[in-house]
Amino acid sequence: MTIERTLSVLRTQLQFELLQAGAAVAESSNACARIQRQVDECRGRCDQLSHGLRDVLGDAKTNPEMMQVMHRMYRAESNVLRESERELADAAARDEQLRAELASLRNRERSLQQALQAQRSKQRARLQAKQIIIADDLWLQRRPA
């Protein structure tokens, strides 16, 4: 197998890896966006519950049972929010890692492309040198002695 053929095969394999990596990055980005929406919604619910608790505490006719229920709901929602934020941080780290891997693959592809172009240039130069030698030989053969 020639060097050019080997480089072409490697480049084709790398392009397949690039497609897979690109798909993984897209999936990861979608997951981050979905989790971010969940965090935003959860934060909104926590804010609403917090305002509701303040309103209940400010009311002179405070119902202790209602206050306990609202406080439990707030704690539960806060726990969900913390867990969602942790999940978002993990997803963002994974997304960053996948993007770095994709960038590395792109760099490898560029290097392979440059090596392939250099190899093709060498082959063209060799072919031109052969053609010049053949032309010189023909010229010498036609020249009267």
C-alpha atoms as a PDB file:
ATOM      1  CA  MET A   1       0.000   0.000   0.000  1.00  0.00           C
ATOM      2  CA  THR A   2       1.403   3.380  -0.953  1.00  0.00           C
ATOM      3  CA  ILE A   3       1.924   6.166   1.543  1.00  0.00           C
ATOM      4  CA  GLU A   4      -0.763   8.238  -0.158  1.00  0.00           C
ATOM      5  CA  ARG A   5      -3.256   5.383   0.058  1.00  0.00           C
ATOM      6  CA  THR A   6      -2.411   4.803   3.725  1.00  0.00           C
ATOM      7  CA  LEU A   7      -2.886   8.497   4.510  1.00  0.00           C
ATOM      8  CA  SER A   8      -6.202   8.501   2.642  1.00  0.00           C
ATOM      9  CA  VAL A   9      -7.441   5.488   4.601  1.00  0.00           C
ATOM     10  CA  LEU A  10      -6.388   7.108   7.882  1.00  0.00           C
ATOM     11  CA  ARG A  11      -8.126  10.333   6.900  1.00  0.00           C
ATOM     12  CA  THR A  12     -11.333   8.456   6.045  1.00  0.00           C
ATOM     13  CA  GLN A  13     -11.273   6.699   9.417  1.00  0.00           C
ATOM     14  CA  LEU A  14     -10.654  10.015  11.131  1.00  0.00           C
ATOM     15  CA  GLN A  15     -13.567  11.629   9.294  1.00  0.00           C
ATOM     16  CA  PHE A  16     -15.813   8.869  10.619  1.00  0.00           C
ATOM     17  CA  GLU A  17     -14.522   9.559  14.144  1.00  0.00           C
ATOM     18  CA  LEU A  18     -15.191  13.264  13.562  1.00  0.00           C
ATOM     19  CA  LEU A  19     -18.792  12.502  12.638  1.00  0.00           C
ATOM     20  CA  GLN A  20     -19.242  10.441  15.768  1.00  0.00           C
ATOM     21  CA  ALA A  21     -17.604  13.103  17.933  1.00  0.00           C
ATOM     22  CA  GLY A  22     -19.742  15.821  16.356  1.00  0.00           C
ATOM     23  CA  ALA A  23     -22.878  13.826  17.074  1.00  0.00           C
ATOM     24  CA  ALA A  24     -21.752  13.310  20.683  1.00  0.00           C
ATOM     25  CA  VAL A  25     -21.143  17.062  21.089  1.00  0.00           C
ATOM     26  CA  ALA A  26     -24.577  17.853  19.651  1.00  0.00           C
ATOM     27  CA  GLU A  27     -26.217  15.357  21.990  1.00  0.00           C
ATOM     28  CA  SER A  28     -24.264  16.725  24.946  1.00  0.00           C
ATOM     29  CA  SER A  29     -25.216  20.315  24.087  1.00  0.00           C
ATOM     30  CA  ASN A  30     -28.870  19.328  23.877  1.00  0.00           C
ATOM     31  CA  ALA A  31     -28.623  17.607  27.260  1.00  0.00           C
ATOM     32  CA  CYS A  32     -27.027  20.709  28.790  1.00  0.00           C
ATOM     33  CA  ALA A  33     -29.792  22.903  27.385  1.00  0.00           C
ATOM     34  CA  ARG A  34     -32.473  20.532  28.686  1.00  0.00           C
ATOM     35  CA  ILE A  35     -30.914  20.400  32.161  1.00  0.00           C
ATOM     36  CA  GLN A  36     -30.494  24.192  32.175  1.00  0.00           C
ATOM     37  CA  ARG A  37     -34.226  24.560  31.482  1.00  0.00           C
ATOM     38  CA  GLN A  38     -34.948  22.178  34.378  1.00  0.00           C
ATOM     39  CA  VAL A  39     -32.696  24.198  36.683  1.00  0.00           C
ATOM     40  CA  ASP A  40     -34.380  27.447  35.626  1.00  0.00           C
ATOM     41  CA  GLU A  41     -37.854  25.994  36.197  1.00  0.00           C
ATOM     42  CA  CYS A  42     -36.849  24.570  39.562  1.00  0.00           C
ATOM     43  CA  ARG A  43     -35.260  27.875  40.598  1.00  0.00           C
ATOM     44  CA  GLY A  44     -38.514  29.618  39.663  1.00  0.00           C
ATOM     45  CA  ARG A  45     -40.520  27.222  41.822  1.00  0.00           C
ATOM     46  CA  CYS A  46     -38.101  27.746  44.728  1.00  0.00           C
ATOM     47  CA  ASP A  47     -38.472  31.518  44.387  1.00  0.00           C
ATOM     48  CA  GLN A  48     -42.265  31.230  44.354  1.00  0.00           C
ATOM     49  CA  LEU A  49     -42.235  29.018  47.437  1.00  0.00           C
ATOM     50  CA  SER A  50     -39.833  31.377  49.188  1.00  0.00           C
ATOM     51  CA  HIS A  51     -42.077  34.376  48.483  1.00  0.00           C
ATOM     52  CA  GLY A  52     -45.092  32.356  49.617  1.00  0.00           C
ATOM     53  CA  LEU A  53     -43.349  31.475  52.881  1.00  0.00           C
ATOM     54  CA  ARG A  54     -42.491  35.126  53.507  1.00  0.00           C
ATOM     55  CA  ASP A  55     -46.086  36.090  52.857  1.00  0.00           C
ATOM     56  CA  VAL A  56     -47.347  33.430  55.265  1.00  0.00           C
ATOM     57  CA  LEU A  57     -44.857  34.529  57.932  1.00  0.00           C
ATOM     58  CA  GLY A  58     -45.953  38.163  57.508  1.00  0.00           C
ATOM     59  CA  ASP A  59     -49.612  37.283  57.944  1.00  0.00           C
ATOM     60  CA  ALA A  60     -50.995  37.807  61.440  1.00  0.00           C
ATOM     61  CA  LYS A  61     -53.238  34.762  61.061  1.00  0.00           C
ATOM     62  CA  THR A  62     -50.454  32.297  60.339  1.00  0.00           C
ATOM     63  CA  ASN A  63     -51.610  28.726  59.912  1.00  0.00           C
ATOM     64  CA  PRO A  64     -48.784  26.561  61.379  1.00  0.00           C
ATOM     65  CA  GLU A  65     -49.730  23.484  59.388  1.00  0.00           C
ATOM     66  CA  MET A  66     -49.727  25.403  56.136  1.00  0.00           C
ATOM     67  CA  MET A  67     -46.384  26.947  57.023  1.00  0.00           C
ATOM     68  CA  GLN A  68     -44.887  23.492  57.714  1.00  0.00           C
ATOM     69  CA  VAL A  69     -46.198  22.119  54.427  1.00  0.00           C
ATOM     70  CA  MET A  70     -44.803  25.090  52.513  1.00  0.00           C
ATOM     71  CA  HIS A  71     -41.470  24.786  54.329  1.00  0.00           C
ATOM     72  CA  ARG A  72     -41.245  21.056  53.443  1.00  0.00           C
ATOM     73  CA  MET A  73     -42.116  21.827  49.842  1.00  0.00           C
ATOM     74  CA  TYR A  74     -39.428  24.512  49.764  1.00  0.00           C
ATOM     75  CA  ARG A  75     -36.797  22.151  51.223  1.00  0.00           C
ATOM     76  CA  ALA A  76     -37.749  19.411  48.768  1.00  0.00           C
ATOM     77  CA  GLU A  77     -37.608  21.816  45.837  1.00  0.00           C
ATOM     78  CA  SER A  78     -34.269  23.186  47.078  1.00  0.00           C
ATOM     79  CA  ASN A  79     -32.883  19.655  47.163  1.00  0.00           C
ATOM     80  CA  VAL A  80     -34.116  19.066  43.622  1.00  0.00           C
ATOM     81  CA  LEU A  81     -32.513  22.358  42.580  1.00  0.00           C
ATOM     82  CA  ARG A  82     -29.144  21.422  44.111  1.00  0.00           C
ATOM     83  CA  GLU A  83     -29.257  18.027  42.426  1.00  0.00           C
ATOM     84  CA  SER A  84     -30.186  19.595  39.094  1.00  0.00           C
ATOM     85  CA  GLU A  85     -27.351  22.109  39.427  1.00  0.00           C
ATOM     86  CA  ARG A  86     -24.917  19.251  40.134  1.00  0.00           C
ATOM     87  CA  GLU A  87     -26.241  17.397  37.096  1.00  0.00           C
ATOM     88  CA  LEU A  88     -25.835  20.553  35.006  1.00  0.00           C
ATOM     89  CA  ALA A  89     -22.236  21.007  36.181  1.00  0.00           C
ATOM     90  CA  ASP A  90     -21.469  17.374  35.290  1.00  0.00           C
ATOM     91  CA  ALA A  91     -23.121  17.749  31.880  1.00  0.00           C
ATOM     92  CA  ALA A  92     -21.219  20.986  31.209  1.00  0.00           C
ATOM     93  CA  ALA A  93     -17.919  19.308  32.121  1.00  0.00           C
ATOM     94  CA  ARG A  94     -18.735  16.386  29.835  1.00  0.00           C
ATOM     95  CA  ASP A  95     -19.688  18.796  27.053  1.00  0.00           C
ATOM     96  CA  GLU A  96     -16.389  20.645  27.457  1.00  0.00           C
ATOM     97  CA  GLN A  97     -14.462  17.359  27.351  1.00  0.00           C
ATOM     98  CA  LEU A  98     -16.286  16.249  24.190  1.00  0.00           C
ATOM     99  CA  ARG A  99     -15.626  19.597  22.530  1.00  0.00           C
ATOM    100  CA  ALA A 100     -11.918  19.308  23.363  1.00  0.00           C
ATOM    101  CA  GLU A 101     -11.835  15.802  21.872  1.00  0.00           C
ATOM    102  CA  LEU A 102     -13.577  17.102  18.744  1.00  0.00           C
ATOM    103  CA  ALA A 103     -11.030  19.914  18.428  1.00  0.00           C
ATOM    104  CA  SER A 104      -8.214  17.385  18.787  1.00  0.00           C
ATOM    105  CA  LEU A 105      -9.722  15.230  16.049  1.00  0.00           C
ATOM    106  CA  ARG A 106     -10.033  18.264  13.787  1.00  0.00           C
ATOM    107  CA  ASN A 107      -6.360  19.066  14.375  1.00  0.00           C
ATOM    108  CA  ARG A 108      -5.421  15.494  13.515  1.00  0.00           C
ATOM    109  CA  GLU A 109      -7.502  15.705  10.344  1.00  0.00           C
ATOM    110  CA  ARG A 110      -5.738  18.917   9.314  1.00  0.00           C
ATOM    111  CA  SER A 111      -2.357  17.278   9.930  1.00  0.00           C
ATOM    112  CA  LEU A 112      -3.327  14.257   7.861  1.00  0.00           C
ATOM    113  CA  GLN A 113      -4.600  16.500   5.089  1.00  0.00           C
ATOM    114  CA  GLN A 114      -1.297  18.402   5.077  1.00  0.00           C
ATOM    115  CA  ALA A 115       0.673  15.145   5.018  1.00  0.00           C
ATOM    116  CA  LEU A 116      -1.480  13.897   2.142  1.00  0.00           C
ATOM    117  CA  GLN A 117      -0.923  17.117   0.198  1.00  0.00           C
ATOM    118  CA  ALA A 118       2.839  16.929   0.849  1.00  0.00           C
ATOM    119  CA  GLN A 119       2.904  13.330  -0.372  1.00  0.00           C
ATOM    120  CA  ARG A 120       0.989  14.259  -3.513  1.00  0.00           C
ATOM    121  CA  SER A 121       3.389  17.142  -4.143  1.00  0.00           C
ATOM    122  CA  LYS A 122       6.350  14.757  -3.815  1.00  0.00           C
ATOM    123  CA  GLN A 123       4.747  12.377  -6.288  1.00  0.00           C
ATOM    124  CA  ARG A 124       4.084  15.206  -8.754  1.00  0.00           C
ATOM    125  CA  ALA A 125       7.692  16.379  -8.404  1.00  0.00           C
ATOM    126  CA  ARG A 126       8.961  12.829  -9.033  1.00  0.00           C
ATOM    127  CA  LEU A 127       6.714  12.481 -12.073  1.00  0.00           C
ATOM    128  CA  GLN A 128       7.872  15.825 -13.447  1.00  0.00           C
ATOM    129  CA  ALA A 129      11.512  14.837 -12.888  1.00  0.00           C
ATOM    130  CA  LYS A 130      10.913  11.572 -14.790  1.00  0.00           C
ATOM    131  CA  GLN A 131       9.212  13.438 -17.604  1.00  0.00           C
ATOM    132  CA  ILE A 132      12.107  15.895 -17.838  1.00  0.00           C
ATOM    133  CA  ILE A 133      14.615  13.033 -17.938  1.00  0.00           C
ATOM    134  CA  ILE A 134      12.618  11.275 -20.662  1.00  0.00           C
ATOM    135  CA  ALA A 135      12.334  14.531 -22.642  1.00  0.00           C
ATOM    136  CA  ASP A 136      16.085  15.116 -22.291  1.00  0.00           C
ATOM    137  CA  ASP A 137      16.827  11.549 -23.448  1.00  0.00           C
ATOM    138  CA  LEU A 138      14.555  11.984 -26.451  1.00  0.00           C
ATOM    139  CA  TRP A 139      16.191  15.284 -27.300  1.00  0.00           C
ATOM    140  CA  LEU A 140      19.642  13.710 -27.049  1.00  0.00           C
ATOM    141  CA  GLN A 141      18.566  10.804 -29.263  1.00  0.00           C
ATOM    142  CA  ARG A 142      17.226  13.125 -31.971  1.00  0.00           C
ATOM    143  CA  ARG A 143      20.280  15.327 -31.981  1.00  0.00           C
ATOM    144  CA  PRO A 144      22.703  14.570 -34.753  1.00  0.00           C
ATOM    145  CA  ALA A 145      25.997  13.234 -33.525  1.00  0.00           C
END
